[in-house]
N, C-alpha and C. Protein backbone atom coordinates (compact mmCIF):
# COMPACT_ATOMS: atom_id res chain seq x y z
N MET A 1 5.62 -3.68 6.60
CA MET A 1 5.10 -2.66 5.72
C MET A 1 5.74 -1.31 6.02
N GLN A 2 5.92 -1.01 7.29
CA GLN A 2 6.52 0.27 7.66
C GLN A 2 7.94 0.38 7.11
N ARG A 3 8.67 -0.73 7.08
CA ARG A 3 10.03 -0.72 6.52
C ARG A 3 9.98 -0.39 5.04
N PHE A 4 9.01 -0.92 4.35
CA PHE A 4 8.87 -0.66 2.92
C PHE A 4 8.55 0.81 2.67
N VAL A 5 7.61 1.35 3.41
CA VAL A 5 7.25 2.76 3.28
C VAL A 5 8.46 3.64 3.59
N HIS A 6 9.21 3.28 4.62
CA HIS A 6 10.41 4.04 4.98
C HIS A 6 11.45 3.97 3.86
N LEU A 7 11.67 2.79 3.31
CA LEU A 7 12.63 2.62 2.22
C LEU A 7 12.24 3.50 1.03
N LEU A 8 10.97 3.50 0.67
CA LEU A 8 10.54 4.31 -0.46
C LEU A 8 10.65 5.80 -0.17
N SER A 9 10.24 6.22 1.02
CA SER A 9 10.30 7.65 1.31
C SER A 9 11.75 8.14 1.39
N CYS A 10 12.66 7.31 1.86
CA CYS A 10 14.08 7.69 1.89
C CYS A 10 14.65 7.84 0.49
N ASN A 11 14.01 7.19 -0.47
CA ASN A 11 14.45 7.28 -1.86
C ASN A 11 13.54 8.19 -2.68
N ARG A 12 12.80 9.03 -1.98
CA ARG A 12 11.95 10.07 -2.59
C ARG A 12 10.89 9.52 -3.53
N VAL A 13 10.34 8.38 -3.17
CA VAL A 13 9.20 7.84 -3.92
C VAL A 13 7.96 8.29 -3.18
N GLU A 14 7.11 9.02 -3.89
CA GLU A 14 5.90 9.58 -3.31
C GLU A 14 4.85 8.48 -3.14
N LEU A 15 4.37 8.32 -1.94
CA LEU A 15 3.35 7.31 -1.65
C LEU A 15 2.10 7.97 -1.09
N SER A 16 1.02 7.28 -1.20
CA SER A 16 -0.20 7.69 -0.50
C SER A 16 -0.93 6.42 -0.08
N VAL A 17 -1.81 6.60 0.86
CA VAL A 17 -2.65 5.48 1.31
C VAL A 17 -4.09 5.94 1.14
N TRP A 18 -4.77 5.36 0.18
CA TRP A 18 -6.14 5.76 -0.10
C TRP A 18 -7.14 4.94 0.68
N LEU A 19 -6.87 3.68 0.84
CA LEU A 19 -7.84 2.81 1.48
C LEU A 19 -7.31 2.31 2.81
N LYS A 20 -7.86 2.83 3.88
CA LYS A 20 -7.43 2.41 5.21
C LYS A 20 -8.45 1.50 5.88
N LEU A 21 -9.62 1.41 5.29
CA LEU A 21 -10.70 0.63 5.86
C LEU A 21 -11.23 -0.37 4.82
N PRO A 22 -11.75 -1.50 5.27
CA PRO A 22 -12.27 -2.46 4.31
C PRO A 22 -13.59 -2.02 3.67
N VAL A 23 -14.31 -1.10 4.30
CA VAL A 23 -15.58 -0.60 3.78
C VAL A 23 -15.54 0.93 3.82
N HIS A 24 -15.93 1.53 2.72
CA HIS A 24 -15.95 2.99 2.63
C HIS A 24 -17.35 3.44 2.28
N PRO A 25 -17.72 4.65 2.64
CA PRO A 25 -16.93 5.64 3.35
C PRO A 25 -16.84 5.32 4.83
N LYS A 26 -15.88 5.97 5.49
CA LYS A 26 -15.70 5.78 6.92
C LYS A 26 -17.03 6.07 7.62
N GLY A 27 -17.34 5.24 8.58
CA GLY A 27 -18.58 5.41 9.32
C GLY A 27 -19.74 4.58 8.79
N THR A 28 -19.54 3.91 7.66
CA THR A 28 -20.58 3.04 7.12
C THR A 28 -20.86 1.92 8.11
N LYS A 29 -22.10 1.70 8.40
CA LYS A 29 -22.46 0.59 9.30
C LYS A 29 -22.24 -0.71 8.54
N LEU A 30 -21.35 -1.54 9.09
CA LEU A 30 -20.97 -2.77 8.41
C LEU A 30 -22.16 -3.68 8.14
N ARG A 31 -23.09 -3.72 9.07
CA ARG A 31 -24.26 -4.60 8.87
C ARG A 31 -25.11 -4.14 7.69
N ASN A 32 -25.04 -2.84 7.36
CA ASN A 32 -25.82 -2.33 6.22
C ASN A 32 -25.28 -2.79 4.87
N VAL A 33 -24.00 -3.19 4.85
CA VAL A 33 -23.41 -3.68 3.60
C VAL A 33 -23.07 -5.17 3.71
N PHE A 34 -23.63 -5.82 4.73
CA PHE A 34 -23.48 -7.26 4.93
C PHE A 34 -22.01 -7.67 5.09
N TYR A 35 -21.24 -6.82 5.76
CA TYR A 35 -19.83 -7.12 6.00
C TYR A 35 -19.64 -7.43 7.47
N GLU A 36 -18.99 -8.55 7.75
CA GLU A 36 -18.67 -8.92 9.13
C GLU A 36 -17.18 -8.79 9.32
N LYS A 37 -16.79 -8.06 10.34
CA LYS A 37 -15.37 -7.88 10.63
C LYS A 37 -14.72 -9.25 10.79
N GLY A 38 -13.59 -9.43 10.10
CA GLY A 38 -12.86 -10.68 10.17
C GLY A 38 -13.35 -11.74 9.20
N SER A 39 -14.36 -11.40 8.40
CA SER A 39 -14.93 -12.41 7.50
C SER A 39 -14.15 -12.57 6.21
N SER A 40 -13.22 -11.69 5.95
CA SER A 40 -12.40 -11.81 4.74
C SER A 40 -11.00 -11.30 5.07
N ASN A 41 -10.14 -11.28 4.09
CA ASN A 41 -8.79 -10.79 4.34
C ASN A 41 -8.68 -9.29 4.06
N ALA A 42 -9.81 -8.60 3.97
CA ALA A 42 -9.82 -7.17 3.66
C ALA A 42 -9.05 -6.35 4.70
N GLU A 43 -9.15 -6.71 5.97
CA GLU A 43 -8.43 -5.97 7.01
C GLU A 43 -6.92 -6.07 6.79
N TYR A 44 -6.45 -7.25 6.44
CA TYR A 44 -5.02 -7.44 6.17
C TYR A 44 -4.59 -6.62 4.95
N ILE A 45 -5.39 -6.67 3.91
CA ILE A 45 -5.05 -5.98 2.66
C ILE A 45 -4.93 -4.48 2.88
N VAL A 46 -5.87 -3.88 3.57
CA VAL A 46 -5.81 -2.42 3.76
C VAL A 46 -4.64 -2.01 4.64
N GLN A 47 -4.13 -2.91 5.46
CA GLN A 47 -2.97 -2.60 6.28
C GLN A 47 -1.66 -2.77 5.52
N HIS A 48 -1.71 -3.39 4.37
CA HIS A 48 -0.51 -3.68 3.59
C HIS A 48 -0.63 -3.14 2.17
N ASN A 49 -1.28 -2.00 2.03
CA ASN A 49 -1.56 -1.44 0.73
C ASN A 49 -1.04 -0.01 0.66
N VAL A 50 -0.31 0.31 -0.39
CA VAL A 50 0.09 1.69 -0.66
C VAL A 50 -0.22 1.99 -2.13
N ASN A 51 -0.38 3.24 -2.41
CA ASN A 51 -0.62 3.67 -3.77
C ASN A 51 0.57 4.47 -4.26
N LEU A 52 1.00 4.15 -5.44
CA LEU A 52 2.08 4.90 -6.08
C LEU A 52 1.47 6.02 -6.90
N PRO A 53 2.24 7.08 -7.10
CA PRO A 53 1.71 8.18 -7.90
C PRO A 53 1.47 7.73 -9.35
N THR A 54 0.38 8.15 -9.88
CA THR A 54 0.04 7.82 -11.27
C THR A 54 -0.37 9.11 -11.98
N ASN A 55 0.61 10.00 -12.10
CA ASN A 55 0.32 11.25 -12.76
C ASN A 55 1.26 11.44 -13.95
N LEU A 56 1.07 12.49 -14.68
CA LEU A 56 1.84 12.71 -15.90
C LEU A 56 3.31 13.03 -15.63
N LYS A 57 3.66 13.32 -14.38
CA LYS A 57 5.06 13.63 -14.05
C LYS A 57 5.91 12.38 -13.85
N ILE A 58 5.28 11.22 -13.74
CA ILE A 58 6.01 9.98 -13.51
C ILE A 58 6.70 9.57 -14.81
N ARG A 59 7.99 9.35 -14.68
CA ARG A 59 8.78 8.96 -15.85
C ARG A 59 9.11 7.47 -15.76
N GLU A 60 9.57 6.94 -16.86
CA GLU A 60 9.96 5.53 -16.88
C GLU A 60 11.06 5.28 -15.86
N LYS A 61 11.95 6.23 -15.69
CA LYS A 61 13.03 6.12 -14.70
C LYS A 61 12.46 5.99 -13.29
N ASP A 62 11.40 6.74 -12.99
CA ASP A 62 10.76 6.66 -11.67
C ASP A 62 10.18 5.27 -11.43
N ALA A 63 9.53 4.72 -12.44
CA ALA A 63 8.95 3.37 -12.32
C ALA A 63 10.05 2.33 -12.12
N ALA A 64 11.15 2.50 -12.84
CA ALA A 64 12.28 1.56 -12.71
C ALA A 64 12.86 1.63 -11.30
N THR A 65 12.97 2.83 -10.75
CA THR A 65 13.47 3.00 -9.38
C THR A 65 12.56 2.28 -8.39
N PHE A 66 11.26 2.44 -8.55
CA PHE A 66 10.32 1.76 -7.67
C PHE A 66 10.49 0.25 -7.74
N LEU A 67 10.60 -0.28 -8.94
CA LEU A 67 10.75 -1.73 -9.10
C LEU A 67 12.04 -2.23 -8.46
N GLN A 68 13.11 -1.47 -8.56
CA GLN A 68 14.38 -1.85 -7.93
C GLN A 68 14.23 -1.85 -6.41
N LEU A 69 13.55 -0.84 -5.88
CA LEU A 69 13.36 -0.77 -4.43
C LEU A 69 12.45 -1.90 -3.94
N LEU A 70 11.43 -2.21 -4.72
CA LEU A 70 10.54 -3.32 -4.37
C LEU A 70 11.31 -4.63 -4.33
N ALA A 71 12.16 -4.87 -5.32
CA ALA A 71 12.97 -6.08 -5.35
C ALA A 71 13.91 -6.12 -4.15
N ARG A 72 14.49 -4.98 -3.82
CA ARG A 72 15.40 -4.91 -2.66
C ARG A 72 14.65 -5.21 -1.37
N TYR A 73 13.47 -4.64 -1.21
CA TYR A 73 12.66 -4.89 -0.03
C TYR A 73 12.28 -6.36 0.06
N ASP A 74 11.87 -6.94 -1.06
CA ASP A 74 11.47 -8.34 -1.10
C ASP A 74 12.64 -9.23 -0.68
N THR A 75 13.80 -8.94 -1.19
CA THR A 75 15.00 -9.72 -0.84
C THR A 75 15.33 -9.58 0.65
N GLU A 76 15.26 -8.36 1.16
CA GLU A 76 15.55 -8.12 2.57
C GLU A 76 14.50 -8.78 3.47
N SER A 77 13.26 -8.78 3.05
CA SER A 77 12.17 -9.39 3.84
C SER A 77 12.36 -10.89 3.96
N ILE A 78 12.77 -11.51 2.85
CA ILE A 78 13.01 -12.96 2.86
C ILE A 78 14.16 -13.29 3.77
N ALA A 79 15.19 -12.43 3.80
CA ALA A 79 16.37 -12.68 4.62
C ALA A 79 16.06 -12.56 6.11
N HIS A 80 15.04 -11.81 6.47
CA HIS A 80 14.70 -11.63 7.89
C HIS A 80 13.76 -12.68 8.29
């Protein structure tokens, strides 16, 4: 995941990470929401999740660049 984030940032693709925890807000007692750590793949998902910008400044060209970088990352990941 870090390689992917690095690849995107080197190509000036703005990223953010909104969800770092499987249960929000931070500090929520897991037992209060009936969540048991390790009971689902939520921990894996939040460690492998990034958000792309979704604002009015994003152009079709920007989306195409992201898709090309994603394909490149996918190809490189398979090769390793």
